[in-house]
Amino acid sequence: MDAEAEHPHLRPILSNLSREIRRPLDSLRGGIGRLLDQSDRPISDAERAQARTMLALCDDLDRLTRERLDGPRKAD
């Protein structure tokens, strides 16, 4: 982010915002994963495909959030 260079105090704010966005995504991803893993409640192929699409969308939103709000990762 260009604004970050001008306002270094934004880094912790953006990082916290990123975590707040990703937390419900992690919960949603876990719930969808449990739905797919339940053997006692079989789901249709259409439901399974929709759940996989939802997982992919969660992953995409997580990636975008990390890229835009967390910025580039520093080498350890």
Protein backbone atom coordinates (compact mmCIF):
# COMPACT_ATOMS: atom_id res chain seq x y z
CA MET A 1 0.00 0.00 0.00
CA ASP A 2 1.40 3.42 -0.95
CA ALA A 3 -0.41 5.11 1.92
CA GLU A 4 1.44 2.86 4.34
CA ALA A 5 4.77 4.46 3.47
CA GLU A 6 3.29 7.85 4.31
CA HIS A 7 1.48 6.57 7.42
CA PRO A 8 3.51 3.79 9.10
CA HIS A 9 1.08 3.72 12.03
CA LEU A 10 -1.46 2.08 9.68
CA ARG A 11 0.39 -1.30 9.70
CA PRO A 12 -1.01 -2.48 13.09
CA ILE A 13 -4.49 -1.22 12.24
CA LEU A 14 -4.52 -3.02 8.89
CA SER A 15 -3.13 -6.18 10.47
CA ASN A 16 -5.87 -6.18 13.12
CA LEU A 17 -8.52 -5.57 10.45
CA SER A 18 -7.14 -8.48 8.47
CA ARG A 19 -7.44 -10.80 11.48
CA GLU A 20 -11.00 -9.62 12.15
CA ILE A 21 -11.99 -10.42 8.57
CA ARG A 22 -10.24 -13.79 8.50
CA ARG A 23 -11.59 -15.05 11.85
CA PRO A 24 -15.19 -15.61 10.61
CA LEU A 25 -13.78 -17.03 7.36
CA ASP A 26 -11.89 -19.65 9.37
CA SER A 27 -15.07 -20.50 11.26
CA LEU A 28 -17.09 -20.73 8.05
CA ARG A 29 -14.39 -22.86 6.42
CA GLY A 30 -14.44 -25.21 9.43
CA GLY A 31 -18.22 -25.56 9.32
CA ILE A 32 -18.21 -26.31 5.61
CA GLY A 33 -15.43 -28.85 6.12
CA ARG A 34 -17.45 -30.61 8.83
CA LEU A 35 -20.48 -30.67 6.53
CA LEU A 36 -18.40 -32.36 3.84
CA ASP A 37 -16.93 -34.85 6.32
CA GLN A 38 -20.21 -35.95 7.94
CA SER A 39 -20.87 -39.53 7.05
CA ASP A 40 -24.12 -39.72 9.02
CA ARG A 41 -25.71 -36.98 6.90
CA PRO A 42 -24.99 -37.65 3.25
CA ILE A 43 -25.28 -34.66 0.97
CA SER A 44 -26.10 -34.59 -2.71
CA ASP A 45 -23.51 -34.06 -5.41
CA ALA A 46 -24.94 -30.58 -6.03
CA GLU A 47 -24.62 -29.69 -2.32
CA ARG A 48 -21.08 -31.06 -2.25
CA ALA A 49 -20.15 -29.01 -5.32
CA GLN A 50 -21.65 -25.88 -3.74
CA ALA A 51 -19.77 -26.50 -0.50
CA ARG A 52 -16.50 -26.89 -2.41
CA THR A 53 -17.22 -23.64 -4.25
CA MET A 54 -17.83 -21.93 -0.92
CA LEU A 55 -14.51 -23.28 0.41
CA ALA A 56 -12.71 -21.94 -2.67
CA LEU A 57 -14.36 -18.54 -2.19
CA CYS A 58 -13.30 -18.48 1.47
CA ASP A 59 -9.74 -19.31 0.41
CA ASP A 60 -9.79 -16.56 -2.23
CA LEU A 61 -11.11 -13.96 0.20
CA ASP A 62 -8.55 -15.02 2.79
CA ARG A 63 -5.74 -14.68 0.24
CA LEU A 64 -6.96 -11.28 -0.94
CA THR A 65 -7.31 -10.05 2.63
CA ARG A 66 -3.76 -11.15 3.45
CA GLU A 67 -2.36 -9.59 0.27
CA ARG A 68 -4.10 -6.25 0.69
CA LEU A 69 -4.12 -5.77 4.43
CA ASP A 70 -1.09 -7.72 5.68
CA GLY A 71 1.20 -6.62 2.87
CA PRO A 72 4.25 -8.52 1.73
CA ARG A 73 5.62 -11.07 4.16
CA LYS A 74 9.08 -10.57 5.52
CA ALA A 75 11.61 -13.36 5.16
CA ASP A 76 12.27 -15.16 8.45
